[in-house]
C-alpha atoms as a PDB file:
ATOM      1  CA  UNK A   1      38.351  79.688  18.576  1.00  0.00           C
ATOM      2  CA  UNK A   2      35.292  81.334  20.042  1.00  0.00           C
ATOM      3  CA  UNK A   3      34.062  82.297  16.555  1.00  0.00           C
ATOM      4  CA  UNK A   4      34.553  78.737  15.265  1.00  0.00           C
ATOM      5  CA  UNK A   5      32.402  77.351  18.081  1.00  0.00           C
ATOM      6  CA  UNK A   6      29.639  79.911  17.441  1.00  0.00           C
ATOM      7  CA  UNK A   7      29.783  79.228  13.687  1.00  0.00           C
ATOM      8  CA  UNK A   8      29.520  75.441  14.270  1.00  0.00           C
ATOM      9  CA  UNK A   9      26.586  75.906  16.636  1.00  0.00           C
ATOM     10  CA  UNK A  10      24.829  78.215  14.164  1.00  0.00           C
ATOM     11  CA  UNK A  11      25.327  75.778  11.251  1.00  0.00           C
ATOM     12  CA  UNK A  12      24.004  72.811  13.241  1.00  0.00           C
ATOM     13  CA  UNK A  13      20.937  74.828  14.282  1.00  0.00           C
ATOM     14  CA  UNK A  14      20.310  75.777  10.646  1.00  0.00           C
ATOM     15  CA  UNK A  15      20.653  72.137   9.588  1.00  0.00           C
ATOM     16  CA  UNK A  16      18.150  70.987  12.219  1.00  0.00           C
ATOM     17  CA  UNK A  17      15.591  73.593  11.249  1.00  0.00           C
ATOM     18  CA  UNK A  18      15.997  72.767   7.548  1.00  0.00           C
ATOM     19  CA  UNK A  19      15.495  69.008   7.938  1.00  0.00           C
ATOM     20  CA  UNK A  20      12.913  67.596   5.603  1.00  0.00           C
ATOM     21  CA  UNK A  21      10.690  64.616   5.944  1.00  0.00           C
ATOM     22  CA  UNK A  22      11.098  61.723   3.536  1.00  0.00           C
ATOM     23  CA  UNK A  23       8.074  62.688   1.468  1.00  0.00           C
ATOM     24  CA  UNK A  24       9.169  66.333   1.269  1.00  0.00           C
ATOM     25  CA  UNK A  25      12.617  65.294   0.109  1.00  0.00           C
ATOM     26  CA  UNK A  26      11.087  62.916  -2.417  1.00  0.00           C
ATOM     27  CA  UNK A  27       8.957  65.703  -3.921  1.00  0.00           C
ATOM     28  CA  UNK A  28      11.812  68.206  -4.032  1.00  0.00           C
ATOM     29  CA  UNK A  29      12.372  69.709  -7.502  1.00  0.00           C
ATOM     30  CA  UNK A  30      15.818  68.832  -8.859  1.00  0.00           C
ATOM     31  CA  UNK A  31      17.263  70.293 -12.071  1.00  0.00           C
ATOM     32  CA  UNK A  32      17.500  67.856 -15.007  1.00  0.00           C
ATOM     33  CA  UNK A  33      15.593  65.191 -13.090  1.00  0.00           C
ATOM     34  CA  UNK A  34      11.998  64.107 -13.021  1.00  0.00           C
ATOM     35  CA  UNK A  35       9.410  65.495 -10.649  1.00  0.00           C
ATOM     36  CA  UNK A  36       7.444  63.378  -8.186  1.00  0.00           C
ATOM     37  CA  UNK A  37       4.039  64.426  -6.914  1.00  0.00           C
ATOM     38  CA  UNK A  38       2.433  62.369  -4.139  1.00  0.00           C
ATOM     39  CA  UNK A  39      -1.330  62.205  -3.604  1.00  0.00           C
ATOM     40  CA  UNK A  40      -2.045  60.280  -0.415  1.00  0.00           C
ATOM     41  CA  UNK A  41      -3.841  60.492   2.901  1.00  0.00           C
ATOM     42  CA  UNK A  42      -2.173  62.216   5.835  1.00  0.00           C
ATOM     43  CA  UNK A  43      -2.022  58.961   7.827  1.00  0.00           C
ATOM     44  CA  UNK A  44       0.046  57.317   5.095  1.00  0.00           C
ATOM     45  CA  UNK A  45       2.377  60.323   4.925  1.00  0.00           C
ATOM     46  CA  UNK A  46       2.759  60.229   8.725  1.00  0.00           C
ATOM     47  CA  UNK A  47       3.427  56.476   8.615  1.00  0.00           C
ATOM     48  CA  UNK A  48       6.133  56.865   5.948  1.00  0.00           C
ATOM     49  CA  UNK A  49       7.747  59.789   7.778  1.00  0.00           C
ATOM     50  CA  UNK A  50       7.630  57.970  11.124  1.00  0.00           C
ATOM     51  CA  UNK A  51       5.304  60.452  12.800  1.00  0.00           C
ATOM     52  CA  UNK A  52       2.192  58.248  13.138  1.00  0.00           C
ATOM     53  CA  UNK A  53       1.133  57.832  16.772  1.00  0.00           C
ATOM     54  CA  UNK A  54      -0.440  54.599  17.958  1.00  0.00           C
ATOM     55  CA  UNK A  55      -4.168  54.629  18.698  1.00  0.00           C
ATOM     56  CA  UNK A  56      -3.572  52.650  21.896  1.00  0.00           C
ATOM     57  CA  UNK A  57      -3.634  54.294  25.281  1.00  0.00           C
ATOM     58  CA  UNK A  58      -0.807  53.542  27.720  1.00  0.00           C
ATOM     59  CA  UNK A  59      -1.402  50.361  29.676  1.00  0.00           C
ATOM     60  CA  UNK A  60      -3.980  49.014  27.219  1.00  0.00           C
ATOM     61  CA  UNK A  61      -3.304  45.417  26.145  1.00  0.00           C
ATOM     62  CA  UNK A  62      -3.928  43.921  22.728  1.00  0.00           C
ATOM     63  CA  UNK A  63      -5.927  40.763  22.311  1.00  0.00           C
ATOM     64  CA  UNK A  64      -4.966  37.910  20.000  1.00  0.00           C
ATOM     65  CA  UNK A  65      -8.034  38.538  17.836  1.00  0.00           C
ATOM     66  CA  UNK A  66      -7.000  42.162  17.184  1.00  0.00           C
ATOM     67  CA  UNK A  67      -4.789  41.166  14.263  1.00  0.00           C
ATOM     68  CA  UNK A  68      -6.946  40.365  11.280  1.00  0.00           C
ATOM     69  CA  UNK A  69      -4.658  39.456   8.435  1.00  0.00           C
ATOM     70  CA  UNK A  70      -3.928  36.727   5.987  1.00  0.00           C
ATOM     71  CA  UNK A  71      -0.857  35.489   4.209  1.00  0.00           C
ATOM     72  CA  UNK A  72      -2.802  34.887   0.988  1.00  0.00           C
ATOM     73  CA  UNK A  73      -1.471  36.890  -1.985  1.00  0.00           C
ATOM     74  CA  UNK A  74      -3.208  40.165  -2.826  1.00  0.00           C
ATOM     75  CA  UNK A  75      -4.787  40.539   0.593  1.00  0.00           C
ATOM     76  CA  UNK A  76      -4.074  43.405   2.953  1.00  0.00           C
ATOM     77  CA  UNK A  77      -4.761  44.013   6.586  1.00  0.00           C
ATOM     78  CA  UNK A  78      -7.301  46.788   7.020  1.00  0.00           C
ATOM     79  CA  UNK A  79      -6.056  47.721  10.470  1.00  0.00           C
ATOM     80  CA  UNK A  80      -2.304  47.623   9.897  1.00  0.00           C
ATOM     81  CA  UNK A  81      -1.986  51.408  10.302  1.00  0.00           C
ATOM     82  CA  UNK A  82      -3.407  51.472  13.811  1.00  0.00           C
ATOM     83  CA  UNK A  83      -1.748  48.425  15.359  1.00  0.00           C
ATOM     84  CA  UNK A  84       1.888  49.448  15.619  1.00  0.00           C
ATOM     85  CA  UNK A  85       5.025  47.384  15.101  1.00  0.00           C
ATOM     86  CA  UNK A  86       4.781  43.715  14.121  1.00  0.00           C
ATOM     87  CA  UNK A  87       7.039  41.404  16.131  1.00  0.00           C
ATOM     88  CA  UNK A  88       7.681  37.644  15.832  1.00  0.00           C
ATOM     89  CA  UNK A  89       7.720  35.698  19.090  1.00  0.00           C
ATOM     90  CA  UNK A  90       7.408  32.064  20.172  1.00  0.00           C
ATOM     91  CA  UNK A  91       3.824  30.909  20.370  1.00  0.00           C
ATOM     92  CA  UNK A  92       1.340  28.435  18.927  1.00  0.00           C
ATOM     93  CA  UNK A  93      -0.686  27.912  15.764  1.00  0.00           C
ATOM     94  CA  UNK A  94      -3.255  25.343  14.747  1.00  0.00           C
ATOM     95  CA  UNK A  95      -2.173  23.208  11.815  1.00  0.00           C
ATOM     96  CA  UNK A  96      -5.256  22.352   9.757  1.00  0.00           C
ATOM     97  CA  UNK A  97      -3.556  20.822   6.711  1.00  0.00           C
ATOM     98  CA  UNK A  98      -0.345  18.862   6.070  1.00  0.00           C
ATOM     99  CA  UNK A  99       0.274  17.716   2.494  1.00  0.00           C
ATOM    100  CA  UNK A 100       2.917  16.617   0.046  1.00  0.00           C
ATOM    101  CA  UNK A 101       5.041  18.713  -2.295  1.00  0.00           C
ATOM    102  CA  UNK A 102       2.840  18.352  -5.379  1.00  0.00           C
ATOM    103  CA  UNK A 103       0.675  20.906  -7.105  1.00  0.00           C
ATOM    104  CA  UNK A 104      -2.319  19.085  -5.632  1.00  0.00           C
ATOM    105  CA  UNK A 105      -0.865  19.603  -2.138  1.00  0.00           C
ATOM    106  CA  UNK A 106      -0.537  23.332  -2.778  1.00  0.00           C
ATOM    107  CA  UNK A 107      -4.116  23.564  -4.032  1.00  0.00           C
ATOM    108  CA  UNK A 108      -5.453  21.601  -1.065  1.00  0.00           C
ATOM    109  CA  UNK A 109      -3.491  23.745   1.408  1.00  0.00           C
ATOM    110  CA  UNK A 110      -4.940  26.937  -0.062  1.00  0.00           C
ATOM    111  CA  UNK A 111      -8.437  25.434  -0.117  1.00  0.00           C
ATOM    112  CA  UNK A 112      -8.075  24.442   3.550  1.00  0.00           C
ATOM    113  CA  UNK A 113      -7.008  28.021   4.345  1.00  0.00           C
ATOM    114  CA  UNK A 114     -10.042  29.492   2.590  1.00  0.00           C
ATOM    115  CA  UNK A 115     -12.335  26.985   4.285  1.00  0.00           C
ATOM    116  CA  UNK A 116     -10.851  27.837   7.700  1.00  0.00           C
ATOM    117  CA  UNK A 117     -11.344  31.569   7.070  1.00  0.00           C
ATOM    118  CA  UNK A 118     -15.032  30.916   6.368  1.00  0.00           C
ATOM    119  CA  UNK A 119     -15.420  29.510   9.875  1.00  0.00           C
ATOM    120  CA  UNK A 120     -12.977  31.824  11.710  1.00  0.00           C
ATOM    121  CA  UNK A 121     -12.613  35.111   9.765  1.00  0.00           C
ATOM    122  CA  UNK A 122     -10.993  36.852  12.763  1.00  0.00           C
ATOM    123  CA  UNK A 123      -7.932  34.551  12.750  1.00  0.00           C
ATOM    124  CA  UNK A 124      -4.999  34.906  10.352  1.00  0.00           C
ATOM    125  CA  UNK A 125      -4.275  31.974   8.037  1.00  0.00           C
ATOM    126  CA  UNK A 126      -0.790  31.018   6.831  1.00  0.00           C
ATOM    127  CA  UNK A 127      -0.263  28.730   3.839  1.00  0.00           C
ATOM    128  CA  UNK A 128       3.394  27.855   3.380  1.00  0.00           C
ATOM    129  CA  UNK A 129       5.787  25.365   1.859  1.00  0.00           C
ATOM    130  CA  UNK A 130       8.263  23.773   4.268  1.00  0.00           C
ATOM    131  CA  UNK A 131      10.178  21.335   2.140  1.00  0.00           C
ATOM    132  CA  UNK A 132       8.860  18.816   1.247  1.00  0.00           C
ATOM    133  CA  UNK A 133       5.351  19.616   2.560  1.00  0.00           C
ATOM    134  CA  UNK A 134       2.586  22.169   2.046  1.00  0.00           C
ATOM    135  CA  UNK A 135       1.154  23.418   5.345  1.00  0.00           C
ATOM    136  CA  UNK A 136      -1.860  25.438   6.353  1.00  0.00           C
ATOM    137  CA  UNK A 137      -1.703  26.892   9.845  1.00  0.00           C
ATOM    138  CA  UNK A 138      -3.977  29.382  11.532  1.00  0.00           C
ATOM    139  CA  UNK A 139      -3.931  31.771  14.438  1.00  0.00           C
ATOM    140  CA  UNK A 140      -1.298  33.597  16.424  1.00  0.00           C
ATOM    141  CA  UNK A 141      -1.748  32.274  19.960  1.00  0.00           C
ATOM    142  CA  UNK A 142       0.563  33.367  22.752  1.00  0.00           C
ATOM    143  CA  UNK A 143      -0.467  30.558  25.093  1.00  0.00           C
ATOM    144  CA  UNK A 144      -1.387  26.897  24.701  1.00  0.00           C
ATOM    145  CA  UNK A 145      -4.720  27.590  26.448  1.00  0.00           C
ATOM    146  CA  UNK A 146      -5.788  30.087  23.757  1.00  0.00           C
ATOM    147  CA  UNK A 147      -4.948  27.571  21.034  1.00  0.00           C
ATOM    148  CA  UNK A 148      -6.742  24.737  22.873  1.00  0.00           C
ATOM    149  CA  UNK A 149      -9.938  26.795  23.073  1.00  0.00           C
ATOM    150  CA  UNK A 150     -10.017  27.343  19.303  1.00  0.00           C
ATOM    151  CA  UNK A 151      -9.082  23.691  18.657  1.00  0.00           C
ATOM    152  CA  UNK A 152     -11.980  22.659  20.905  1.00  0.00           C
ATOM    153  CA  UNK A 153     -14.339  24.816  18.818  1.00  0.00           C
ATOM    154  CA  UNK A 154     -12.983  23.253  15.623  1.00  0.00           C
ATOM    155  CA  UNK A 155     -13.555  19.735  16.953  1.00  0.00           C
ATOM    156  CA  UNK A 156     -17.070  20.579  18.184  1.00  0.00           C
ATOM    157  CA  UNK A 157     -17.941  21.845  14.710  1.00  0.00           C
ATOM    158  CA  UNK A 158     -16.660  18.581  13.203  1.00  0.00           C
ATOM    159  CA  UNK A 159     -14.287  20.294  10.777  1.00  0.00           C
ATOM    160  CA  UNK A 160     -10.571  19.708  10.275  1.00  0.00           C
ATOM    161  CA  UNK A 161     -10.439  16.457  12.215  1.00  0.00           C
ATOM    162  CA  UNK A 162      -6.674  16.272  11.595  1.00  0.00           C
ATOM    163  CA  UNK A 163      -6.049  19.703  13.220  1.00  0.00           C
ATOM    164  CA  UNK A 164      -3.282  19.857  15.826  1.00  0.00           C
ATOM    165  CA  UNK A 165      -1.563  22.558  17.859  1.00  0.00           C
ATOM    166  CA  UNK A 166       2.054  23.241  16.856  1.00  0.00           C
ATOM    167  CA  UNK A 167       4.749  25.473  18.313  1.00  0.00           C
ATOM    168  CA  UNK A 168       5.582  28.268  15.912  1.00  0.00           C
ATOM    169  CA  UNK A 169       6.893  31.790  15.563  1.00  0.00           C
ATOM    170  CA  UNK A 170       3.823  34.007  15.667  1.00  0.00           C
ATOM    171  CA  UNK A 171       3.132  37.579  14.617  1.00  0.00           C
ATOM    172  CA  UNK A 172       2.001  40.041  17.280  1.00  0.00           C
ATOM    173  CA  UNK A 173       1.617  43.801  17.152  1.00  0.00           C
ATOM    174  CA  UNK A 174       2.851  45.965  19.995  1.00  0.00           C
END
């Protein structure tokens, strides 16, 4: 019995020391199978393997403007590696376009999104279809006051006169 316990302990220790990361396992040479070679930056490898540490210091808070992203196709967030985990919570967005379900509505919603980004490049823009309407909404505001401030700026500029604040699920990074 004593030998079985020691053998089990020794095998589990060997297994722990022999654990591979995902990228190491992916690049492992296997007989009669293809070979994969990865060429990528260390930060990407760390992100895939779950070893990337956040650039934030403990106690530091993120601001709403920290997330610079867009939901337009073929666009990527340049700071997605350093911001941590994305979470959806209740919050507010500014709706700048509300259209019908036609192709024209889709085109106008995307055009409104591009126009909004010209004025407020720091805010994310979301163009979506919620049957039967095309919508363009912007921002990820945690409080009504934050959304009101941006809406005030929009109205002062004289753009998007139909803009309104709507409750929405917003994206925040922790």
